[in-house]
PDB file of N, CA and C in Angstrom:
ATOM      1  N   MET A   1      94.351 -77.415  36.681  1.00  0.00           N
ATOM      2  CA  MET A   1      93.262 -78.369  36.592  1.00  0.00           C
ATOM      3  C   MET A   1      92.373 -78.221  37.815  1.00  0.00           C
ATOM      4  N   SER A   2      91.078 -78.362  37.617  1.00  0.00           N
ATOM      5  CA  SER A   2      90.153 -78.223  38.733  1.00  0.00           C
ATOM      6  C   SER A   2      90.103 -79.507  39.551  1.00  0.00           C
ATOM      7  N   LYS A   3      89.697 -79.379  40.774  1.00  0.00           N
ATOM      8  CA  LYS A   3      89.634 -80.510  41.684  1.00  0.00           C
ATOM      9  C   LYS A   3      88.450 -81.404  41.315  1.00  0.00           C
ATOM     10  N   ILE A   4      88.671 -82.719  41.437  1.00  0.00           N
ATOM     11  CA  ILE A   4      87.589 -83.683  41.203  1.00  0.00           C
ATOM     12  C   ILE A   4      86.682 -83.684  42.430  1.00  0.00           C
ATOM     13  N   THR A   5      85.413 -83.420  42.217  1.00  0.00           N
ATOM     14  CA  THR A   5      84.470 -83.353  43.337  1.00  0.00           C
ATOM     15  C   THR A   5      83.708 -84.668  43.466  1.00  0.00           C
ATOM     16  N   GLU A   6      83.003 -84.781  44.573  1.00  0.00           N
ATOM     17  CA  GLU A   6      82.154 -85.962  44.789  1.00  0.00           C
ATOM     18  C   GLU A   6      81.078 -86.048  43.709  1.00  0.00           C
ATOM     19  N   ASP A   7      80.567 -84.881  43.309  1.00  0.00           N
ATOM     20  CA  ASP A   7      79.545 -84.857  42.252  1.00  0.00           C
ATOM     21  C   ASP A   7      80.111 -85.371  40.927  1.00  0.00           C
ATOM     22  N   ASP A   8      81.382 -85.062  40.653  1.00  0.00           N
ATOM     23  CA  ASP A   8      82.025 -85.560  39.429  1.00  0.00           C
ATOM     24  C   ASP A   8      82.090 -87.093  39.450  1.00  0.00           C
ATOM     25  N   VAL A   9      82.451 -87.638  40.593  1.00  0.00           N
ATOM     26  CA  VAL A   9      82.551 -89.092  40.725  1.00  0.00           C
ATOM     27  C   VAL A   9      81.174 -89.723  40.567  1.00  0.00           C
ATOM     28  N   LYS A  10      80.168 -89.129  41.189  1.00  0.00           N
ATOM     29  CA  LYS A  10      78.800 -89.667  41.081  1.00  0.00           C
ATOM     30  C   LYS A  10      78.312 -89.613  39.632  1.00  0.00           C
ATOM     31  N   LYS A  11      78.598 -88.506  38.948  1.00  0.00           N
ATOM     32  CA  LYS A  11      78.181 -88.374  37.547  1.00  0.00           C
ATOM     33  C   LYS A  11      78.886 -89.417  36.677  1.00  0.00           C
ATOM     34  N   ALA A  12      80.195 -89.609  36.911  1.00  0.00           N
ATOM     35  CA  ALA A  12      80.941 -90.613  36.148  1.00  0.00           C
ATOM     36  C   ALA A  12      80.409 -92.015  36.420  1.00  0.00           C
ATOM     37  N   SER A  13      80.015 -92.275  37.662  1.00  0.00           N
ATOM     38  CA  SER A  13      79.488 -93.603  37.985  1.00  0.00           C
ATOM     39  C   SER A  13      78.142 -93.842  37.307  1.00  0.00           C
ATOM     40  N   VAL A  14      77.326 -92.801  37.216  1.00  0.00           N
ATOM     41  CA  VAL A  14      76.039 -92.937  36.522  1.00  0.00           C
ATOM     42  C   VAL A  14      76.268 -93.171  35.028  1.00  0.00           C
ATOM     43  N   LEU A  15      77.173 -92.395  34.424  1.00  0.00           N
ATOM     44  CA  LEU A  15      77.446 -92.533  32.993  1.00  0.00           C
ATOM     45  C   LEU A  15      78.045 -93.894  32.654  1.00  0.00           C
ATOM     46  N   SER A  16      78.847 -94.448  33.569  1.00  0.00           N
ATOM     47  CA  SER A  16      79.464 -95.752  33.314  1.00  0.00           C
ATOM     48  C   SER A  16      78.643 -96.898  33.888  1.00  0.00           C
ATOM     49  N   ARG A  17      77.493 -96.557  34.447  1.00  0.00           N
ATOM     50  CA  ARG A  17      76.561 -97.550  35.013  1.00  0.00           C
ATOM     51  C   ARG A  17      77.210 -98.405  36.092  1.00  0.00           C
ATOM     52  N   LEU A  18      77.968 -97.738  36.960  1.00  0.00           N
ATOM     53  CA  LEU A  18      78.600 -98.400  38.089  1.00  0.00           C
ATOM     54  C   LEU A  18      77.873 -97.996  39.364  1.00  0.00           C
ATOM     55  N   SER A  19      77.706 -98.946  40.223  1.00  0.00           N
ATOM     56  CA  SER A  19      77.098 -98.674  41.516  1.00  0.00           C
ATOM     57  C   SER A  19      78.222 -98.531  42.531  1.00  0.00           C
ATOM     58  N   LEU A  20      78.425 -97.298  43.025  1.00  0.00           N
ATOM     59  CA  LEU A  20      79.507 -97.040  43.968  1.00  0.00           C
ATOM     60  C   LEU A  20      78.945 -96.883  45.379  1.00  0.00           C
ATOM     61  N   PRO A  21      79.619 -97.491  46.350  1.00  0.00           N
ATOM     62  CA  PRO A  21      79.181 -97.277  47.728  1.00  0.00           C
ATOM     63  C   PRO A  21      79.432 -95.829  48.145  1.00  0.00           C
ATOM     64  N   GLU A  22      78.505 -95.275  48.853  1.00  0.00           N
ATOM     65  CA  GLU A  22      78.559 -93.864  49.247  1.00  0.00           C
ATOM     66  C   GLU A  22      79.815 -93.541  50.066  1.00  0.00           C
ATOM     67  N   ASP A  23      80.276 -94.486  50.885  1.00  0.00           N
ATOM     68  CA  ASP A  23      81.440 -94.225  51.737  1.00  0.00           C
ATOM     69  C   ASP A  23      82.764 -94.265  50.974  1.00  0.00           C
ATOM     70  N   LYS A  24      82.763 -94.703  49.724  1.00  0.00           N
ATOM     71  CA  LYS A  24      83.994 -94.789  48.923  1.00  0.00           C
ATOM     72  C   LYS A  24      84.133 -93.623  47.941  1.00  0.00           C
ATOM     73  N   ILE A  25      83.119 -92.815  47.794  1.00  0.00           N
ATOM     74  CA  ILE A  25      83.133 -91.754  46.783  1.00  0.00           C
ATOM     75  C   ILE A  25      84.259 -90.750  47.044  1.00  0.00           C
ATOM     76  N   ILE A  26      84.485 -90.386  48.286  1.00  0.00           N
ATOM     77  CA  ILE A  26      85.563 -89.444  48.616  1.00  0.00           C
ATOM     78  C   ILE A  26      86.913 -90.065  48.270  1.00  0.00           C
ATOM     79  N   THR A  27      87.077 -91.363  48.580  1.00  0.00           N
ATOM     80  CA  THR A  27      88.323 -92.080  48.256  1.00  0.00           C
ATOM     81  C   THR A  27      88.553 -92.080  46.756  1.00  0.00           C
ATOM     82  N   TYR A  28      87.505 -92.389  45.988  1.00  0.00           N
ATOM     83  CA  TYR A  28      87.630 -92.432  44.530  1.00  0.00           C
ATOM     84  C   TYR A  28      87.931 -91.058  43.955  1.00  0.00           C
ATOM     85  N   ALA A  29      87.357 -90.010  44.534  1.00  0.00           N
ATOM     86  CA  ALA A  29      87.615 -88.654  44.055  1.00  0.00           C
ATOM     87  C   ALA A  29      89.103 -88.325  44.214  1.00  0.00           C
ATOM     88  N   GLY A  30      89.687 -88.694  45.357  1.00  0.00           N
ATOM     89  CA  GLY A  30      91.113 -88.455  45.574  1.00  0.00           C
ATOM     90  C   GLY A  30      91.978 -89.249  44.610  1.00  0.00           C
ATOM     91  N   GLN A  31      91.598 -90.501  44.371  1.00  0.00           N
ATOM     92  CA  GLN A  31      92.363 -91.348  43.448  1.00  0.00           C
ATOM     93  C   GLN A  31      92.306 -90.793  42.027  1.00  0.00           C
ATOM     94  N   LEU A  32      91.126 -90.386  41.600  1.00  0.00           N
ATOM     95  CA  LEU A  32      90.987 -89.804  40.260  1.00  0.00           C
ATOM     96  C   LEU A  32      91.785 -88.511  40.136  1.00  0.00           C
ATOM     97  N   GLU A  33      91.792 -87.723  41.193  1.00  0.00           N
ATOM     98  CA  GLU A  33      92.568 -86.479  41.185  1.00  0.00           C
ATOM     99  C   GLU A  33      94.051 -86.774  40.978  1.00  0.00           C
ATOM    100  N   ARG A  34      94.578 -87.779  41.676  1.00  0.00           N
ATOM    101  CA  ARG A  34      95.995 -88.136  41.524  1.00  0.00           C
ATOM    102  C   ARG A  34      96.284 -88.679  40.120  1.00  0.00           C
ATOM    103  N   ILE A  35      95.382 -89.476  39.576  1.00  0.00           N
ATOM    104  CA  ILE A  35      95.568 -90.020  38.228  1.00  0.00           C
ATOM    105  C   ILE A  35      95.612 -88.894  37.198  1.00  0.00           C
ATOM    106  N   LEU A  36      94.667 -87.975  37.288  1.00  0.00           N
ATOM    107  CA  LEU A  36      94.617 -86.880  36.318  1.00  0.00           C
ATOM    108  C   LEU A  36      95.797 -85.938  36.466  1.00  0.00           C
ATOM    109  N   THR A  37      96.314 -85.770  37.680  1.00  0.00           N
ATOM    110  CA  THR A  37      97.510 -84.961  37.886  1.00  0.00           C
ATOM    111  C   THR A  37      98.695 -85.608  37.191  1.00  0.00           C
ATOM    112  N   TYR A  38      98.789 -86.930  37.294  1.00  0.00           N
ATOM    113  CA  TYR A  38      99.881 -87.647  36.626  1.00  0.00           C
ATOM    114  C   TYR A  38      99.760 -87.520  35.105  1.00  0.00           C
ATOM    115  N   VAL A  39      98.555 -87.670  34.574  1.00  0.00           N
ATOM    116  CA  VAL A  39      98.346 -87.544  33.130  1.00  0.00           C
ATOM    117  C   VAL A  39      98.705 -86.130  32.675  1.00  0.00           C
ATOM    118  N   GLU A  40      98.404 -85.157  33.495  1.00  0.00           N
ATOM    119  CA  GLU A  40      98.752 -83.777  33.172  1.00  0.00           C
ATOM    120  C   GLU A  40     100.273 -83.611  33.085  1.00  0.00           C
ATOM    121  N   GLN A  41     101.001 -84.290  33.972  1.00  0.00           N
ATOM    122  CA  GLN A  41     102.466 -84.239  33.925  1.00  0.00           C
ATOM    123  C   GLN A  41     102.977 -84.853  32.625  1.00  0.00           C
ATOM    124  N   LEU A  42     102.351 -85.917  32.154  1.00  0.00           N
ATOM    125  CA  LEU A  42     102.768 -86.541  30.901  1.00  0.00           C
ATOM    126  C   LEU A  42     102.604 -85.582  29.726  1.00  0.00           C
ATOM    127  N   GLY A  43     101.612 -84.716  29.808  1.00  0.00           N
ATOM    128  CA  GLY A  43     101.381 -83.745  28.745  1.00  0.00           C
ATOM    129  C   GLY A  43     102.492 -82.715  28.624  1.00  0.00           C
ATOM    130  N   GLU A  44     103.305 -82.572  29.663  1.00  0.00           N
ATOM    131  CA  GLU A  44     104.392 -81.598  29.645  1.00  0.00           C
ATOM    132  C   GLU A  44     105.645 -82.128  28.955  1.00  0.00           C
ATOM    133  N   ILE A  45     105.694 -83.396  28.659  1.00  0.00           N
ATOM    134  CA  ILE A  45     106.869 -84.008  28.033  1.00  0.00           C
ATOM    135  C   ILE A  45     106.931 -83.613  26.560  1.00  0.00           C
ATOM    136  N   ASP A  46     108.121 -83.251  26.098  1.00  0.00           N
ATOM    137  CA  ASP A  46     108.322 -82.881  24.697  1.00  0.00           C
ATOM    138  C   ASP A  46     108.403 -84.153  23.852  1.00  0.00           C
ATOM    139  N   THR A  47     107.424 -84.362  23.010  1.00  0.00           N
ATOM    140  CA  THR A  47     107.390 -85.555  22.157  1.00  0.00           C
ATOM    141  C   THR A  47     107.504 -85.202  20.674  1.00  0.00           C
ATOM    142  N   GLN A  48     107.996 -84.005  20.371  1.00  0.00           N
ATOM    143  CA  GLN A  48     108.087 -83.566  18.977  1.00  0.00           C
ATOM    144  C   GLN A  48     109.007 -84.443  18.141  1.00  0.00           C
ATOM    145  N   THR A  49     110.050 -84.996  18.752  1.00  0.00           N
ATOM    146  CA  THR A  49     111.017 -85.795  17.991  1.00  0.00           C
ATOM    147  C   THR A  49     110.703 -87.291  18.032  1.00  0.00           C
ATOM    148  N   VAL A  50     109.635 -87.665  18.715  1.00  0.00           N
ATOM    149  CA  VAL A  50     109.278 -89.082  18.828  1.00  0.00           C
ATOM    150  C   VAL A  50     108.301 -89.426  17.709  1.00  0.00           C
ATOM    151  N   PRO A  51     108.646 -90.408  16.877  1.00  0.00           N
ATOM    152  CA  PRO A  51     107.728 -90.758  15.779  1.00  0.00           C
ATOM    153  C   PRO A  51     106.471 -91.444  16.319  1.00  0.00           C
ATOM    154  N   PRO A  52     105.317 -91.164  15.713  1.00  0.00           N
ATOM    155  CA  PRO A  52     104.083 -91.814  16.166  1.00  0.00           C
ATOM    156  C   PRO A  52     104.118 -93.315  15.867  1.00  0.00           C
ATOM    157  N   THR A  53     103.561 -94.090  16.767  1.00  0.00           N
ATOM    158  CA  THR A  53     103.494 -95.545  16.586  1.00  0.00           C
ATOM    159  C   THR A  53     102.110 -96.039  16.969  1.00  0.00           C
ATOM    160  N   THR A  54     101.809 -97.230  16.531  1.00  0.00           N
ATOM    161  CA  THR A  54     100.539 -97.849  16.918  1.00  0.00           C
ATOM    162  C   THR A  54     100.733 -98.929  17.963  1.00  0.00           C
ATOM    163  N   ARG A  55     101.981 -99.369  18.158  1.00  0.00           N
ATOM    164  CA  ARG A  55     102.289-100.423  19.126  1.00  0.00           C
ATOM    165  C   ARG A  55     103.611-100.100  19.817  1.00  0.00           C
ATOM    166  N   ALA A  56     103.775-100.653  21.002  1.00  0.00           N
ATOM    167  CA  ALA A  56     105.045-100.483  21.703  1.00  0.00           C
ATOM    168  C   ALA A  56     106.130-101.311  21.032  1.00  0.00           C
ATOM    169  N   VAL A  57     105.748-102.480  20.525  1.00  0.00           N
ATOM    170  CA  VAL A  57     106.686-103.367  19.838  1.00  0.00           C
ATOM    171  C   VAL A  57     106.203-103.509  18.400  1.00  0.00           C
ATOM    172  N   GLU A  58     107.079-103.247  17.465  1.00  0.00           N
ATOM    173  CA  GLU A  58     106.684-103.317  16.053  1.00  0.00           C
ATOM    174  C   GLU A  58     106.417-104.758  15.643  1.00  0.00           C
ATOM    175  N   VAL A  59     105.321-104.965  14.955  1.00  0.00           N
ATOM    176  CA  VAL A  59     104.939-106.282  14.471  1.00  0.00           C
ATOM    177  C   VAL A  59     105.133-106.301  12.956  1.00  0.00           C
ATOM    178  N   VAL A  60     105.789-107.327  12.470  1.00  0.00           N
ATOM    179  CA  VAL A  60     106.041-107.438  11.043  1.00  0.00           C
ATOM    180  C   VAL A  60     105.373-108.712  10.537  1.00  0.00           C
ATOM    181  N   ASN A  61     104.606-108.583   9.489  1.00  0.00           N
ATOM    182  CA  ASN A  61     103.989-109.756   8.886  1.00  0.00           C
ATOM    183  C   ASN A  61     105.016-110.520   8.072  1.00  0.00           C
ATOM    184  N   ILE A  62     105.009-111.810   8.259  1.00  0.00           N
ATOM    185  CA  ILE A  62     105.897-112.658   7.466  1.00  0.00           C
ATOM    186  C   ILE A  62     105.043-113.269   6.364  1.00  0.00           C
ATOM    187  N   THR A  63     105.394-112.983   5.145  1.00  0.00           N
ATOM    188  CA  THR A  63     104.621-113.516   4.031  1.00  0.00           C
ATOM    189  C   THR A  63     105.494-114.438   3.197  1.00  0.00           C
ATOM    190  N   HIS A  64     104.848-115.380   2.591  1.00  0.00           N
ATOM    191  CA  HIS A  64     105.530-116.316   1.706  1.00  0.00           C
ATOM    192  C   HIS A  64     104.885-116.231   0.332  1.00  0.00           C
ATOM    193  N   GLU A  65     105.656-116.464  -0.665  1.00  0.00           N
ATOM    194  CA  GLU A  65     105.142-116.443  -2.026  1.00  0.00           C
ATOM    195  C   GLU A  65     104.222-117.653  -2.233  1.00  0.00           C
ATOM    196  N   ASP A  66     103.069-117.403  -2.836  1.00  0.00           N
ATOM    197  CA  ASP A  66     102.167-118.497  -3.169  1.00  0.00           C
ATOM    198  C   ASP A  66     102.720-119.258  -4.360  1.00  0.00           C
ATOM    199  N   LYS A  67     102.759-120.565  -4.208  1.00  0.00           N
ATOM    200  CA  LYS A  67     103.232-121.390  -5.310  1.00  0.00           C
ATOM    201  C   LYS A  67     102.156-122.411  -5.648  1.00  0.00           C
ATOM    202  N   VAL A  68     101.776-122.454  -6.909  1.00  0.00           N
ATOM    203  CA  VAL A  68     100.771-123.399  -7.373  1.00  0.00           C
ATOM    204  C   VAL A  68     101.465-124.720  -7.670  1.00  0.00           C
ATOM    205  N   THR A  69     100.923-125.784  -7.107  1.00  0.00           N
ATOM    206  CA  THR A  69     101.473-127.113  -7.371  1.00  0.00           C
ATOM    207  C   THR A  69     100.372-127.985  -7.962  1.00  0.00           C
ATOM    208  N   SER A  70     100.767-129.014  -8.606  1.00  0.00           N
ATOM    209  CA  SER A  70      99.779-129.902  -9.221  1.00  0.00           C
ATOM    210  C   SER A  70      99.549-131.153  -8.368  1.00  0.00           C
ATOM    211  N   GLU A  71      99.972-131.102  -7.102  1.00  0.00           N
ATOM    212  CA  GLU A  71      99.772-132.260  -6.241  1.00  0.00           C
ATOM    213  C   GLU A  71      98.296-132.432  -5.933  1.00  0.00           C
ATOM    214  N   ASN A  72      97.839-133.658  -5.953  1.00  0.00           N
ATOM    215  CA  ASN A  72      96.458-133.953  -5.611  1.00  0.00           C
ATOM    216  C   ASN A  72      96.457-134.637  -4.240  1.00  0.00           C
ATOM    217  N   ILE A  73      96.172-133.842  -3.208  1.00  0.00           N
ATOM    218  CA  ILE A  73      96.191-134.390  -1.853  1.00  0.00           C
ATOM    219  C   ILE A  73      94.785-134.468  -1.259  1.00  0.00           C
ATOM    220  N   ARG A  74      93.802-134.482  -2.129  1.00  0.00           N
ATOM    221  CA  ARG A  74      92.408-134.517  -1.681  1.00  0.00           C
ATOM    222  C   ARG A  74      92.137-135.720  -0.791  1.00  0.00           C
ATOM    223  N   GLU A  75      92.565-136.882  -1.198  1.00  0.00           N
ATOM    224  CA  GLU A  75      92.323-138.095  -0.412  1.00  0.00           C
ATOM    225  C   GLU A  75      93.020-138.021   0.941  1.00  0.00           C
ATOM    226  N   GLU A  76      94.234-137.498   0.951  1.00  0.00           N
ATOM    227  CA  GLU A  76      94.968-137.364   2.213  1.00  0.00           C
ATOM    228  C   GLU A  76      94.219-136.447   3.185  1.00  0.00           C
ATOM    229  N   LEU A  77      93.705-135.333   2.664  1.00  0.00           N
ATOM    230  CA  LEU A  77      92.979-134.401   3.508  1.00  0.00           C
ATOM    231  C   LEU A  77      91.674-135.006   4.010  1.00  0.00           C
ATOM    232  N   LEU A  78      90.951-135.691   3.149  1.00  0.00           N
ATOM    233  CA  LEU A  78      89.706-136.322   3.574  1.00  0.00           C
ATOM    234  C   LEU A  78      89.964-137.410   4.612  1.00  0.00           C
ATOM    235  N   ASP A  79      91.071-138.102   4.501  1.00  0.00           N
ATOM    236  CA  ASP A  79      91.400-139.143   5.474  1.00  0.00           C
ATOM    237  C   ASP A  79      91.755-138.567   6.847  1.00  0.00           C
ATOM    238  N   LEU A  80      92.099-137.300   6.916  1.00  0.00           N
ATOM    239  CA  LEU A  80      92.426-136.663   8.191  1.00  0.00           C
ATOM    240  C   LEU A  80      91.184-136.314   9.009  1.00  0.00           C
ATOM    241  N   ALA A  81      90.030-136.289   8.375  1.00  0.00           N
ATOM    242  CA  ALA A  81      88.795-135.915   9.064  1.00  0.00           C
ATOM    243  C   ALA A  81      88.387-137.003  10.053  1.00  0.00           C
ATOM    244  N   PRO A  82      87.766-136.610  11.169  1.00  0.00           N
ATOM    245  CA  PRO A  82      87.287-137.614  12.124  1.00  0.00           C
ATOM    246  C   PRO A  82      86.271-138.562  11.492  1.00  0.00           C
ATOM    247  N   GLN A  83      85.415-138.019  10.651  1.00  0.00           N
ATOM    248  CA  GLN A  83      84.445-138.847   9.931  1.00  0.00           C
ATOM    249  C   GLN A  83      84.385-138.385   8.483  1.00  0.00           C
ATOM    250  N   ARG A  84      84.156-139.342   7.621  1.00  0.00           N
ATOM    251  CA  ARG A  84      84.128-139.046   6.191  1.00  0.00           C
ATOM    252  C   ARG A  84      82.953-139.780   5.570  1.00  0.00           C
ATOM    253  N   GLU A  85      82.354-139.139   4.588  1.00  0.00           N
ATOM    254  CA  GLU A  85      81.267-139.777   3.847  1.00  0.00           C
ATOM    255  C   GLU A  85      81.525-139.549   2.366  1.00  0.00           C
ATOM    256  N   GLY A  86      82.090-140.551   1.724  1.00  0.00           N
ATOM    257  CA  GLY A  86      82.435-140.428   0.310  1.00  0.00           C
ATOM    258  C   GLY A  86      83.518-139.394   0.110  1.00  0.00           C
ATOM    259  N   ASP A  87      83.230-138.383  -0.717  1.00  0.00           N
ATOM    260  CA  ASP A  87      84.190-137.316  -0.988  1.00  0.00           C
ATOM    261  C   ASP A  87      83.959-136.083  -0.118  1.00  0.00           C
ATOM    262  N   PHE A  88      83.270-136.258   1.031  1.00  0.00           N
ATOM    263  CA  PHE A  88      82.910-135.119   1.885  1.00  0.00           C
ATOM    264  C   PHE A  88      83.285-135.393   3.339  1.00  0.00           C
ATOM    265  N   PHE A  89      83.420-134.326   4.105  1.00  0.00           N
ATOM    266  CA  PHE A  89      83.583-134.442   5.546  1.00  0.00           C
ATOM    267  C   PHE A  89      82.207-134.662   6.155  1.00  0.00           C
ATOM    268  N   ARG A  90      82.111-135.543   7.124  1.00  0.00           N
ATOM    269  CA  ARG A  90      80.857-135.748   7.838  1.00  0.00           C
ATOM    270  C   ARG A  90      80.928-134.956   9.131  1.00  0.00           C
ATOM    271  N   VAL A  91      79.942-134.073   9.324  1.00  0.00           N
ATOM    272  CA  VAL A  91      79.916-133.218  10.521  1.00  0.00           C
ATOM    273  C   VAL A  91      78.592-133.423  11.244  1.00  0.00           C
ATOM    274  N   PRO A  92      78.537-133.111  12.534  1.00  0.00           N
ATOM    275  CA  PRO A  92      77.289-133.259  13.269  1.00  0.00           C
ATOM    276  C   PRO A  92      76.222-132.286  12.770  1.00  0.00           C
ATOM    277  N   LYS A  93      75.000-132.710  12.861  1.00  0.00           N
ATOM    278  CA  LYS A  93      73.888-131.869  12.464  1.00  0.00           C
ATOM    279  C   LYS A  93      73.763-130.720  13.474  1.00  0.00           C
ATOM    280  N   ILE A  94      73.646-129.494  12.972  1.00  0.00           N
ATOM    281  CA  ILE A  94      73.560-128.363  13.882  1.00  0.00           C
ATOM    282  C   ILE A  94      72.203-127.639  13.793  1.00  0.00           C
ATOM    283  N   LEU A  95      71.417-127.905  12.788  1.00  0.00           N
ATOM    284  CA  LEU A  95      70.115-127.281  12.658  1.00  0.00           C
ATOM    285  C   LEU A  95      69.045-128.224  13.193  1.00  0.00           C
ATOM    286  N   VAL A  96      68.169-127.684  14.021  1.00  0.00           N
ATOM    287  CA  VAL A  96      67.093-128.491  14.593  1.00  0.00           C
ATOM    288  C   VAL A  96      65.792-127.991  14.009  1.00  0.00           C
ATOM    289  N   SER A  97      64.986-128.929  13.520  1.00  0.00           N
ATOM    290  CA  SER A  97      63.717-128.499  12.916  1.00  0.00           C
ATOM    291  C   SER A  97      62.582-128.697  13.872  1.00  0.00           C
TER     292      SER A  97
END
């Protein structure tokens, strides 16, 4: 791998729209060099037997069967609203004319 130069850091800062202090560019170049060296080491690991994943921890959706009931809980739900107007929820006006 080639060495990260000051020009590389300046170009990356322009592309990412970051304003870097001139006295820190050499420091950042060294840090980026160490990071990329580490990433290069990761590329040497044999991962042929490792199955691909999208997450470190598997997430499983829990689903329940939908059951249709004939319960009429409309009044109960309307009574839960902070304000009610007849058979509707009363909400604050959000459009200004």
